[in-house]
PDB file of N, CA and C in Angstrom:
ATOM      1  N   MET A   1      83.699  42.947  76.119  1.00  0.00           N
ATOM      2  CA  MET A   1      82.741  44.023  76.205  1.00  0.00           C
ATOM      3  C   MET A   1      83.100  45.058  75.166  1.00  0.00           C
ATOM      4  N   GLY A   2      82.194  45.292  74.218  1.00  0.00           N
ATOM      5  CA  GLY A   2      82.420  46.265  73.155  1.00  0.00           C
ATOM      6  C   GLY A   2      82.694  45.562  71.848  1.00  0.00           C
ATOM      7  N   LEU A   3      81.859  45.791  70.866  1.00  0.00           N
ATOM      8  CA  LEU A   3      81.977  45.088  69.589  1.00  0.00           C
ATOM      9  C   LEU A   3      82.252  46.041  68.436  1.00  0.00           C
ATOM     10  N   GLY A   4      83.155  46.970  68.657  1.00  0.00           N
ATOM     11  CA  GLY A   4      83.536  47.920  67.624  1.00  0.00           C
ATOM     12  C   GLY A   4      84.744  47.441  66.843  1.00  0.00           C
ATOM     13  N   TYR A   5      85.552  48.394  66.355  1.00  0.00           N
ATOM     14  CA  TYR A   5      86.665  48.040  65.472  1.00  0.00           C
ATOM     15  C   TYR A   5      87.808  47.331  66.197  1.00  0.00           C
ATOM     16  N   VAL A   6      87.828  47.346  67.518  1.00  0.00           N
ATOM     17  CA  VAL A   6      88.792  46.551  68.287  1.00  0.00           C
ATOM     18  C   VAL A   6      88.124  45.264  68.766  1.00  0.00           C
ATOM     19  N   GLY A   7      86.947  45.374  69.342  1.00  0.00           N
ATOM     20  CA  GLY A   7      86.279  44.239  69.958  1.00  0.00           C
ATOM     21  C   GLY A   7      85.870  43.140  69.010  1.00  0.00           C
ATOM     22  N   LEU A   8      85.267  43.489  67.870  1.00  0.00           N
ATOM     23  CA  LEU A   8      84.782  42.449  66.966  1.00  0.00           C
ATOM     24  C   LEU A   8      85.922  41.620  66.377  1.00  0.00           C
ATOM     25  N   PRO A   9      86.996  42.211  65.855  1.00  0.00           N
ATOM     26  CA  PRO A   9      88.102  41.374  65.372  1.00  0.00           C
ATOM     27  C   PRO A   9      88.713  40.517  66.486  1.00  0.00           C
ATOM     28  N   LEU A  10      88.751  41.051  67.711  1.00  0.00           N
ATOM     29  CA  LEU A  10      89.274  40.279  68.832  1.00  0.00           C
ATOM     30  C   LEU A  10      88.373  39.092  69.147  1.00  0.00           C
ATOM     31  N   VAL A  11      87.069  39.293  69.106  1.00  0.00           N
ATOM     32  CA  VAL A  11      86.113  38.198  69.316  1.00  0.00           C
ATOM     33  C   VAL A  11      86.366  37.090  68.293  1.00  0.00           C
ATOM     34  N   ILE A  12      86.512  37.461  67.034  1.00  0.00           N
ATOM     35  CA  ILE A  12      86.742  36.470  65.978  1.00  0.00           C
ATOM     36  C   ILE A  12      88.063  35.746  66.198  1.00  0.00           C
ATOM     37  N   ALA A  13      89.129  36.487  66.516  1.00  0.00           N
ATOM     38  CA  ALA A  13      90.441  35.868  66.725  1.00  0.00           C
ATOM     39  C   ALA A  13      90.410  34.877  67.896  1.00  0.00           C
ATOM     40  N   LEU A  14      89.753  35.249  68.980  1.00  0.00           N
ATOM     41  CA  LEU A  14      89.652  34.348  70.123  1.00  0.00           C
ATOM     42  C   LEU A  14      88.861  33.091  69.758  1.00  0.00           C
ATOM     43  N   ALA A  15      87.763  33.266  69.048  1.00  0.00           N
ATOM     44  CA  ALA A  15      86.952  32.118  68.630  1.00  0.00           C
ATOM     45  C   ALA A  15      87.734  31.230  67.661  1.00  0.00           C
ATOM     46  N   GLU A  16      88.515  31.839  66.770  1.00  0.00           N
ATOM     47  CA  GLU A  16      89.350  31.061  65.849  1.00  0.00           C
ATOM     48  C   GLU A  16      90.385  30.229  66.606  1.00  0.00           C
ATOM     49  N   ALA A  17      90.810  30.717  67.767  1.00  0.00           N
ATOM     50  CA  ALA A  17      91.772  29.998  68.606  1.00  0.00           C
ATOM     51  C   ALA A  17      91.093  28.904  69.431  1.00  0.00           C
ATOM     52  N   GLY A  18      89.787  28.740  69.265  1.00  0.00           N
ATOM     53  CA  GLY A  18      89.058  27.692  69.961  1.00  0.00           C
ATOM     54  C   GLY A  18      88.456  28.106  71.286  1.00  0.00           C
ATOM     55  N   ILE A  19      88.482  29.386  71.579  1.00  0.00           N
ATOM     56  CA  ILE A  19      87.956  29.884  72.848  1.00  0.00           C
ATOM     57  C   ILE A  19      86.475  30.211  72.707  1.00  0.00           C
ATOM     58  N   GLU A  20      85.687  29.787  73.690  1.00  0.00           N
ATOM     59  CA  GLU A  20      84.279  30.154  73.746  1.00  0.00           C
ATOM     60  C   GLU A  20      84.201  31.611  74.192  1.00  0.00           C
ATOM     61  N   VAL A  21      83.508  32.454  73.427  1.00  0.00           N
ATOM     62  CA  VAL A  21      83.499  33.892  73.668  1.00  0.00           C
ATOM     63  C   VAL A  21      82.085  34.375  73.968  1.00  0.00           C
ATOM     64  N   VAL A  22      81.968  35.191  75.008  1.00  0.00           N
ATOM     65  CA  VAL A  22      80.731  35.910  75.299  1.00  0.00           C
ATOM     66  C   VAL A  22      80.975  37.339  74.848  1.00  0.00           C
ATOM     67  N   ALA A  23      80.255  37.782  73.841  1.00  0.00           N
ATOM     68  CA  ALA A  23      80.431  39.110  73.263  1.00  0.00           C
ATOM     69  C   ALA A  23      79.289  40.008  73.726  1.00  0.00           C
ATOM     70  N   VAL A  24      79.640  41.069  74.457  1.00  0.00           N
ATOM     71  CA  VAL A  24      78.627  41.954  75.034  1.00  0.00           C
ATOM     72  C   VAL A  24      78.781  43.358  74.463  1.00  0.00           C
ATOM     73  N   ASP A  25      77.667  43.947  74.081  1.00  0.00           N
ATOM     74  CA  ASP A  25      77.641  45.337  73.639  1.00  0.00           C
ATOM     75  C   ASP A  25      76.276  45.904  73.978  1.00  0.00           C
ATOM     76  N   ASN A  26      76.217  47.193  74.269  1.00  0.00           N
ATOM     77  CA  ASN A  26      74.923  47.807  74.569  1.00  0.00           C
ATOM     78  C   ASN A  26      74.184  48.235  73.314  1.00  0.00           C
ATOM     79  N   ASP A  27      74.822  48.087  72.158  1.00  0.00           N
ATOM     80  CA  ASP A  27      74.196  48.412  70.872  1.00  0.00           C
ATOM     81  C   ASP A  27      73.498  47.158  70.334  1.00  0.00           C
ATOM     82  N   VAL A  28      72.178  47.143  70.429  1.00  0.00           N
ATOM     83  CA  VAL A  28      71.385  45.986  70.016  1.00  0.00           C
ATOM     84  C   VAL A  28      71.633  45.631  68.557  1.00  0.00           C
ATOM     85  N   SER A  29      71.809  46.624  67.695  1.00  0.00           N
ATOM     86  CA  SER A  29      72.009  46.333  66.274  1.00  0.00           C
ATOM     87  C   SER A  29      73.313  45.574  66.032  1.00  0.00           C
ATOM     88  N   LYS A  30      74.354  45.866  66.799  1.00  0.00           N
ATOM     89  CA  LYS A  30      75.618  45.124  66.670  1.00  0.00           C
ATOM     90  C   LYS A  30      75.450  43.686  67.134  1.00  0.00           C
ATOM     91  N   VAL A  31      74.768  43.502  68.237  1.00  0.00           N
ATOM     92  CA  VAL A  31      74.536  42.160  68.763  1.00  0.00           C
ATOM     93  C   VAL A  31      73.704  41.351  67.774  1.00  0.00           C
ATOM     94  N   GLU A  32      72.663  41.944  67.221  1.00  0.00           N
ATOM     95  CA  GLU A  32      71.817  41.232  66.259  1.00  0.00           C
ATOM     96  C   GLU A  32      72.590  40.895  64.987  1.00  0.00           C
ATOM     97  N   ALA A  33      73.423  41.813  64.517  1.00  0.00           N
ATOM     98  CA  ALA A  33      74.247  41.545  63.330  1.00  0.00           C
ATOM     99  C   ALA A  33      75.198  40.382  63.602  1.00  0.00           C
ATOM    100  N   LEU A  34      75.814  40.383  64.768  1.00  0.00           N
ATOM    101  CA  LEU A  34      76.725  39.298  65.125  1.00  0.00           C
ATOM    102  C   LEU A  34      75.994  37.969  65.164  1.00  0.00           C
ATOM    103  N   ARG A  35      74.808  37.958  65.712  1.00  0.00           N
ATOM    104  CA  ARG A  35      74.002  36.727  65.764  1.00  0.00           C
ATOM    105  C   ARG A  35      73.645  36.223  64.371  1.00  0.00           C
ATOM    106  N   ARG A  36      73.499  37.139  63.420  1.00  0.00           N
ATOM    107  CA  ARG A  36      73.180  36.761  62.037  1.00  0.00           C
ATOM    108  C   ARG A  36      74.429  36.410  61.229  1.00  0.00           C
ATOM    109  N   GLY A  37      75.599  36.579  61.824  1.00  0.00           N
ATOM    110  CA  GLY A  37      76.843  36.306  61.113  1.00  0.00           C
ATOM    111  C   GLY A  37      77.235  37.413  60.167  1.00  0.00           C
ATOM    112  N   GLU A  38      76.750  38.622  60.442  1.00  0.00           N
ATOM    113  CA  GLU A  38      77.047  39.774  59.590  1.00  0.00           C
ATOM    114  C   GLU A  38      78.075  40.662  60.263  1.00  0.00           C
ATOM    115  N   SER A  39      79.070  41.074  59.495  1.00  0.00           N
ATOM    116  CA  SER A  39      80.090  41.966  60.027  1.00  0.00           C
ATOM    117  C   SER A  39      79.833  43.391  59.560  1.00  0.00           C
ATOM    118  N   TYR A  40      80.122  44.329  60.411  1.00  0.00           N
ATOM    119  CA  TYR A  40      79.985  45.754  60.105  1.00  0.00           C
ATOM    120  C   TYR A  40      81.338  46.448  60.242  1.00  0.00           C
ATOM    121  N   ILE A  41      82.413  45.644  60.355  1.00  0.00           N
ATOM    122  CA  ILE A  41      83.778  46.139  60.487  1.00  0.00           C
ATOM    123  C   ILE A  41      84.606  45.582  59.336  1.00  0.00           C
ATOM    124  N   ALA A  42      85.298  46.455  58.606  1.00  0.00           N
ATOM    125  CA  ALA A  42      86.075  46.023  57.437  1.00  0.00           C
ATOM    126  C   ALA A  42      87.143  44.993  57.793  1.00  0.00           C
ATOM    127  N   ASP A  43      87.760  45.113  58.953  1.00  0.00           N
ATOM    128  CA  ASP A  43      88.828  44.190  59.351  1.00  0.00           C
ATOM    129  C   ASP A  43      88.311  42.877  59.939  1.00  0.00           C
ATOM    130  N   ALA A  44      87.017  42.677  59.887  1.00  0.00           N
ATOM    131  CA  ALA A  44      86.413  41.460  60.423  1.00  0.00           C
ATOM    132  C   ALA A  44      85.458  40.889  59.375  1.00  0.00           C
ATOM    133  N   PRO A  45      85.980  40.126  58.431  1.00  0.00           N
ATOM    134  CA  PRO A  45      85.132  39.606  57.350  1.00  0.00           C
ATOM    135  C   PRO A  45      83.999  38.715  57.869  1.00  0.00           C
ATOM    136  N   ALA A  46      82.856  38.850  57.252  1.00  0.00           N
ATOM    137  CA  ALA A  46      81.701  38.038  57.646  1.00  0.00           C
ATOM    138  C   ALA A  46      81.998  36.553  57.496  1.00  0.00           C
ATOM    139  N   SER A  47      82.799  36.185  56.505  1.00  0.00           N
ATOM    140  CA  SER A  47      83.135  34.765  56.318  1.00  0.00           C
ATOM    141  C   SER A  47      83.901  34.228  57.525  1.00  0.00           C
ATOM    142  N   ALA A  48      84.801  35.030  58.085  1.00  0.00           N
ATOM    143  CA  ALA A  48      85.544  34.612  59.281  1.00  0.00           C
ATOM    144  C   ALA A  48      84.611  34.507  60.473  1.00  0.00           C
ATOM    145  N   LEU A  49      83.689  35.434  60.581  1.00  0.00           N
ATOM    146  CA  LEU A  49      82.719  35.423  61.670  1.00  0.00           C
ATOM    147  C   LEU A  49      81.830  34.186  61.588  1.00  0.00           C
ATOM    148  N   ARG A  50      81.302  33.914  60.409  1.00  0.00           N
ATOM    149  CA  ARG A  50      80.418  32.760  60.244  1.00  0.00           C
ATOM    150  C   ARG A  50      81.142  31.435  60.496  1.00  0.00           C
ATOM    151  N   ALA A  51      82.447  31.401  60.242  1.00  0.00           N
ATOM    152  CA  ALA A  51      83.217  30.172  60.447  1.00  0.00           C
ATOM    153  C   ALA A  51      83.341  29.796  61.924  1.00  0.00           C
ATOM    154  N   VAL A  52      83.170  30.771  62.812  1.00  0.00           N
ATOM    155  CA  VAL A  52      83.341  30.515  64.247  1.00  0.00           C
ATOM    156  C   VAL A  52      82.116  30.901  65.071  1.00  0.00           C
ATOM    157  N   ASP A  53      80.996  31.166  64.420  1.00  0.00           N
ATOM    158  CA  ASP A  53      79.840  31.680  65.161  1.00  0.00           C
ATOM    159  C   ASP A  53      79.291  30.704  66.201  1.00  0.00           C
ATOM    160  N   ASP A  54      79.653  29.424  66.092  1.00  0.00           N
ATOM    161  CA  ASP A  54      79.204  28.465  67.100  1.00  0.00           C
ATOM    162  C   ASP A  54      79.965  28.616  68.422  1.00  0.00           C
ATOM    163  N   ARG A  55      81.038  29.404  68.428  1.00  0.00           N
ATOM    164  CA  ARG A  55      81.818  29.648  69.644  1.00  0.00           C
ATOM    165  C   ARG A  55      81.541  31.029  70.239  1.00  0.00           C
ATOM    166  N   ILE A  56      80.582  31.754  69.669  1.00  0.00           N
ATOM    167  CA  ILE A  56      80.320  33.127  70.101  1.00  0.00           C
ATOM    168  C   ILE A  56      78.884  33.262  70.582  1.00  0.00           C
ATOM    169  N   GLU A  57      78.730  33.761  71.791  1.00  0.00           N
ATOM    170  CA  GLU A  57      77.420  34.109  72.334  1.00  0.00           C
ATOM    171  C   GLU A  57      77.364  35.633  72.383  1.00  0.00           C
ATOM    172  N   ALA A  58      76.481  36.230  71.605  1.00  0.00           N
ATOM    173  CA  ALA A  58      76.348  37.691  71.560  1.00  0.00           C
ATOM    174  C   ALA A  58      75.130  38.121  72.369  1.00  0.00           C
ATOM    175  N   THR A  59      75.320  39.153  73.183  1.00  0.00           N
ATOM    176  CA  THR A  59      74.240  39.604  74.053  1.00  0.00           C
ATOM    177  C   THR A  59      74.446  41.062  74.459  1.00  0.00           C
ATOM    178  N   THR A  60      73.389  41.645  74.985  1.00  0.00           N
ATOM    179  CA  THR A  60      73.480  42.986  75.577  1.00  0.00           C
ATOM    180  C   THR A  60      73.507  42.897  77.104  1.00  0.00           C
ATOM    181  N   GLN A  61      73.471  41.704  77.637  1.00  0.00           N
ATOM    182  CA  GLN A  61      73.337  41.494  79.074  1.00  0.00           C
ATOM    183  C   GLN A  61      74.688  41.272  79.764  1.00  0.00           C
ATOM    184  N   TYR A  62      75.023  42.157  80.691  1.00  0.00           N
ATOM    185  CA  TYR A  62      76.254  41.995  81.471  1.00  0.00           C
ATOM    186  C   TYR A  62      76.239  40.698  82.285  1.00  0.00           C
ATOM    187  N   SER A  63      75.081  40.230  82.659  1.00  0.00           N
ATOM    188  CA  SER A  63      74.990  39.024  83.477  1.00  0.00           C
ATOM    189  C   SER A  63      75.633  37.818  82.793  1.00  0.00           C
ATOM    190  N   ALA A  64      75.753  37.846  81.476  1.00  0.00           N
ATOM    191  CA  ALA A  64      76.391  36.747  80.739  1.00  0.00           C
ATOM    192  C   ALA A  64      77.882  36.648  81.054  1.00  0.00           C
ATOM    193  N   LEU A  65      78.442  37.689  81.673  1.00  0.00           N
ATOM    194  CA  LEU A  65      79.871  37.708  81.988  1.00  0.00           C
ATOM    195  C   LEU A  65      80.195  37.089  83.347  1.00  0.00           C
ATOM    196  N   MET A  66      79.203  36.677  84.078  1.00  0.00           N
ATOM    197  CA  MET A  66      79.432  36.193  85.441  1.00  0.00           C
ATOM    198  C   MET A  66      80.333  34.963  85.502  1.00  0.00           C
ATOM    199  N   ASP A  67      80.293  34.114  84.496  1.00  0.00           N
ATOM    200  CA  ASP A  67      81.034  32.858  84.556  1.00  0.00           C
ATOM    201  C   ASP A  67      82.251  32.817  83.636  1.00  0.00           C
ATOM    202  N   VAL A  68      82.650  33.938  83.073  1.00  0.00           N
ATOM    203  CA  VAL A  68      83.810  33.939  82.174  1.00  0.00           C
ATOM    204  C   VAL A  68      85.093  34.099  82.984  1.00  0.00           C
ATOM    205  N   GLU A  69      86.207  33.702  82.391  1.00  0.00           N
ATOM    206  CA  GLU A  69      87.501  33.813  83.061  1.00  0.00           C
ATOM    207  C   GLU A  69      88.087  35.214  82.938  1.00  0.00           C
ATOM    208  N   ALA A  70      87.869  35.848  81.787  1.00  0.00           N
ATOM    209  CA  ALA A  70      88.464  37.163  81.538  1.00  0.00           C
ATOM    210  C   ALA A  70      87.456  38.054  80.834  1.00  0.00           C
ATOM    211  N   ILE A  71      87.527  39.342  81.146  1.00  0.00           N
ATOM    212  CA  ILE A  71      86.666  40.342  80.514  1.00  0.00           C
ATOM    213  C   ILE A  71      87.575  41.385  79.880  1.00  0.00           C
ATOM    214  N   LEU A  72      87.416  41.564  78.580  1.00  0.00           N
ATOM    215  CA  LEU A  72      88.210  42.552  77.851  1.00  0.00           C
ATOM    216  C   LEU A  72      87.316  43.731  77.518  1.00  0.00           C
ATOM    217  N   LEU A  73      87.638  44.899  78.055  1.00  0.00           N
ATOM    218  CA  LEU A  73      86.859  46.110  77.795  1.00  0.00           C
ATOM    219  C   LEU A  73      87.416  46.788  76.543  1.00  0.00           C
ATOM    220  N   CYS A  74      86.651  46.762  75.485  1.00  0.00           N
ATOM    221  CA  CYS A  74      87.050  47.335  74.198  1.00  0.00           C
ATOM    222  C   CYS A  74      86.058  48.425  73.816  1.00  0.00           C
ATOM    223  N   VAL A  75      86.067  49.495  74.568  1.00  0.00           N
ATOM    224  CA  VAL A  75      85.104  50.571  74.349  1.00  0.00           C
ATOM    225  C   VAL A  75      85.833  51.831  73.883  1.00  0.00           C
ATOM    226  N   PRO A  76      85.144  52.682  73.160  1.00  0.00           N
ATOM    227  CA  PRO A  76      85.795  53.882  72.621  1.00  0.00           C
ATOM    228  C   PRO A  76      86.097  54.924  73.689  1.00  0.00           C
ATOM    229  N   THR A  77      87.174  55.643  73.475  1.00  0.00           N
ATOM    230  CA  THR A  77      87.524  56.793  74.315  1.00  0.00           C
ATOM    231  C   THR A  77      87.901  57.947  73.391  1.00  0.00           C
ATOM    232  N   PRO A  78      86.908  58.473  72.676  1.00  0.00           N
ATOM    233  CA  PRO A  78      87.198  59.567  71.733  1.00  0.00           C
ATOM    234  C   PRO A  78      87.592  60.844  72.479  1.00  0.00           C
ATOM    235  N   LEU A  79      88.166  61.759  71.741  1.00  0.00           N
ATOM    236  CA  LEU A  79      88.534  63.039  72.332  1.00  0.00           C
ATOM    237  C   LEU A  79      87.343  63.989  72.319  1.00  0.00           C
ATOM    238  N   THR A  80      87.240  64.772  73.380  1.00  0.00           N
ATOM    239  CA  THR A  80      86.219  65.806  73.468  1.00  0.00           C
ATOM    240  C   THR A  80      86.678  67.005  72.631  1.00  0.00           C
ATOM    241  N   PRO A  81      85.828  67.991  72.432  1.00  0.00           N
ATOM    242  CA  PRO A  81      86.267  69.207  71.736  1.00  0.00           C
ATOM    243  C   PRO A  81      87.464  69.885  72.412  1.00  0.00           C
ATOM    244  N   ASN A  82      87.649  69.637  73.708  1.00  0.00           N
ATOM    245  CA  ASN A  82      88.796  70.193  74.440  1.00  0.00           C
ATOM    246  C   ASN A  82      90.024  69.300  74.346  1.00  0.00           C
ATOM    247  N   ARG A  83      89.961  68.249  73.497  1.00  0.00           N
ATOM    248  CA  ARG A  83      91.071  67.321  73.270  1.00  0.00           C
ATOM    249  C   ARG A  83      91.407  66.490  74.511  1.00  0.00           C
ATOM    250  N   GLU A  84      90.391  66.223  75.321  1.00  0.00           N
ATOM    251  CA  GLU A  84      90.529  65.347  76.470  1.00  0.00           C
ATOM    252  C   GLU A  84      89.737  64.071  76.190  1.00  0.00           C
ATOM    253  N   PRO A  85      90.172  62.919  76.715  1.00  0.00           N
ATOM    254  CA  PRO A  85      89.427  61.685  76.443  1.00  0.00           C
ATOM    255  C   PRO A  85      88.039  61.702  77.071  1.00  0.00           C
ATOM    256  N   ASP A  86      87.064  61.283  76.293  1.00  0.00           N
ATOM    257  CA  ASP A  86      85.702  61.119  76.791  1.00  0.00           C
ATOM    258  C   ASP A  86      85.616  59.697  77.354  1.00  0.00           C
ATOM    259  N   LEU A  87      85.615  59.579  78.640  1.00  0.00           N
ATOM    260  CA  LEU A  87      85.644  58.276  79.301  1.00  0.00           C
ATOM    261  C   LEU A  87      84.259  57.745  79.648  1.00  0.00           C
ATOM    262  N   SER A  88      83.208  58.366  79.128  1.00  0.00           N
ATOM    263  CA  SER A  88      81.852  57.961  79.515  1.00  0.00           C
ATOM    264  C   SER A  88      81.548  56.505  79.139  1.00  0.00           C
ATOM    265  N   ALA A  89      81.978  56.049  77.970  1.00  0.00           N
ATOM    266  CA  ALA A  89      81.731  54.658  77.584  1.00  0.00           C
ATOM    267  C   ALA A  89      82.502  53.707  78.492  1.00  0.00           C
ATOM    268  N   LEU A  90      83.715  54.071  78.833  1.00  0.00           N
ATOM    269  CA  LEU A  90      84.530  53.247  79.728  1.00  0.00           C
ATOM    270  C   LEU A  90      83.927  53.191  81.126  1.00  0.00           C
ATOM    271  N   VAL A  91      83.504  54.318  81.642  1.00  0.00           N
ATOM    272  CA  VAL A  91      82.889  54.361  82.968  1.00  0.00           C
ATOM    273  C   VAL A  91      81.600  53.538  82.974  1.00  0.00           C
ATOM    274  N   GLY A  92      80.808  53.656  81.913  1.00  0.00           N
ATOM    275  CA  GLY A  92      79.565  52.878  81.826  1.00  0.00           C
ATOM    276  C   GLY A  92      79.823  51.386  81.763  1.00  0.00           C
ATOM    277  N   ALA A  93      80.791  50.985  80.945  1.00  0.00           N
ATOM    278  CA  ALA A  93      81.123  49.559  80.833  1.00  0.00           C
ATOM    279  C   ALA A  93      81.675  49.028  82.151  1.00  0.00           C
ATOM    280  N   ALA A  94      82.547  49.799  82.788  1.00  0.00           N
ATOM    281  CA  ALA A  94      83.118  49.371  84.068  1.00  0.00           C
ATOM    282  C   ALA A  94      82.040  49.227  85.136  1.00  0.00           C
ATOM    283  N   ALA A  95      81.074  50.124  85.138  1.00  0.00           N
ATOM    284  CA  ALA A  95      79.979  50.031  86.107  1.00  0.00           C
ATOM    285  C   ALA A  95      79.145  48.778  85.870  1.00  0.00           C
ATOM    286  N   GLY A  96      78.872  48.481  84.601  1.00  0.00           N
ATOM    287  CA  GLY A  96      78.111  47.276  84.282  1.00  0.00           C
ATOM    288  C   GLY A  96      78.857  46.005  84.650  1.00  0.00           C
ATOM    289  N   VAL A  97      80.148  45.976  84.379  1.00  0.00           N
ATOM    290  CA  VAL A  97      80.966  44.820  84.724  1.00  0.00           C
ATOM    291  C   VAL A  97      81.066  44.678  86.247  1.00  0.00           C
ATOM    292  N   ALA A  98      81.195  45.782  86.951  1.00  0.00           N
ATOM    293  CA  ALA A  98      81.328  45.742  88.411  1.00  0.00           C
ATOM    294  C   ALA A  98      80.135  45.055  89.066  1.00  0.00           C
ATOM    295  N   GLU A  99      78.981  45.156  88.454  1.00  0.00           N
ATOM    296  CA  GLU A  99      77.778  44.538  89.028  1.00  0.00           C
ATOM    297  C   GLU A  99      77.807  43.018  88.959  1.00  0.00           C
ATOM    298  N   VAL A 100      78.601  42.447  88.052  1.00  0.00           N
ATOM    299  CA  VAL A 100      78.612  40.992  87.869  1.00  0.00           C
ATOM    300  C   VAL A 100      79.983  40.374  88.105  1.00  0.00           C
ATOM    301  N   LEU A 101      80.975  41.183  88.399  1.00  0.00           N
ATOM    302  CA  LEU A 101      82.349  40.716  88.558  1.00  0.00           C
ATOM    303  C   LEU A 101      82.462  39.697  89.688  1.00  0.00           C
ATOM    304  N   GLN A 102      83.201  38.635  89.407  1.00  0.00           N
ATOM    305  CA  GLN A 102      83.407  37.560  90.380  1.00  0.00           C
ATOM    306  C   GLN A 102      84.879  37.511  90.791  1.00  0.00           C
ATOM    307  N   ALA A 103      85.134  37.017  91.970  1.00  0.00           N
ATOM    308  CA  ALA A 103      86.512  36.854  92.446  1.00  0.00           C
ATOM    309  C   ALA A 103      87.279  35.977  91.461  1.00  0.00           C
ATOM    310  N   GLY A 104      88.494  36.406  91.122  1.00  0.00           N
ATOM    311  CA  GLY A 104      89.357  35.633  90.246  1.00  0.00           C
ATOM    312  C   GLY A 104      89.240  35.958  88.775  1.00  0.00           C
ATOM    313  N   GLN A 105      88.261  36.751  88.378  1.00  0.00           N
ATOM    314  CA  GLN A 105      88.138  37.122  86.970  1.00  0.00           C
ATOM    315  C   GLN A 105      89.187  38.173  86.635  1.00  0.00           C
ATOM    316  N   LEU A 106      89.743  38.059  85.453  1.00  0.00           N
ATOM    317  CA  LEU A 106      90.703  39.034  84.939  1.00  0.00           C
ATOM    318  C   LEU A 106      89.956  40.076  84.136  1.00  0.00           C
ATOM    319  N   VAL A 107      90.239  41.359  84.368  1.00  0.00           N
ATOM    320  CA  VAL A 107      89.648  42.444  83.586  1.00  0.00           C
ATOM    321  C   VAL A 107      90.782  43.199  82.924  1.00  0.00           C
ATOM    322  N   VAL A 108      90.683  43.339  81.594  1.00  0.00           N
ATOM    323  CA  VAL A 108      91.721  44.007  80.809  1.00  0.00           C
ATOM    324  C   VAL A 108      91.089  45.172  80.072  1.00  0.00           C
ATOM    325  N   LEU A 109      91.736  46.320  80.127  1.00  0.00           N
ATOM    326  CA  LEU A 109      91.278  47.487  79.389  1.00  0.00           C
ATOM    327  C   LEU A 109      92.005  47.533  78.051  1.00  0.00           C
ATOM    328  N   GLU A 110      91.269  47.350  76.960  1.00  0.00           N
ATOM    329  CA  GLU A 110      91.798  47.416  75.603  1.00  0.00           C
ATOM    330  C   GLU A 110      91.330  48.727  75.007  1.00  0.00           C
ATOM    331  N   SER A 111      91.944  49.817  75.421  1.00  0.00           N
ATOM    332  CA  SER A 111      91.496  51.133  74.992  1.00  0.00           C
ATOM    333  C   SER A 111      92.686  52.054  74.838  1.00  0.00           C
ATOM    334  N   THR A 112      92.510  53.094  74.055  1.00  0.00           N
ATOM    335  CA  THR A 112      93.576  54.060  73.885  1.00  0.00           C
ATOM    336  C   THR A 112      93.674  55.027  75.050  1.00  0.00           C
ATOM    337  N   SER A 113      92.816  54.856  76.068  1.00  0.00           N
ATOM    338  CA  SER A 113      92.862  55.749  77.224  1.00  0.00           C
ATOM    339  C   SER A 113      94.179  55.639  77.937  1.00  0.00           C
TER     340      SER A 113
END
């Protein structure tokens, strides 16, 4: 969950390791770029993405996570003007995952929070 500067390289690395990956983000433009094999992150070359795109399902739908073994939350936690973490993206992602979470699934928070 989350296809930013942490999530997208992680998606590619997992797919390179032979793992089937469901990549979820609420940003439609990121999902569409991923489907086209286009990278918008410098540390995730488009050539690497295209080499494994047959192992990646990109979507905006949390329901696609119902049958996965593990869910990695890779969402931003920027600082507010008061220098406190803004957890709104994390809370939103957790709420979406909670709606589809199944017994036995592993959930990992990959965030600086």
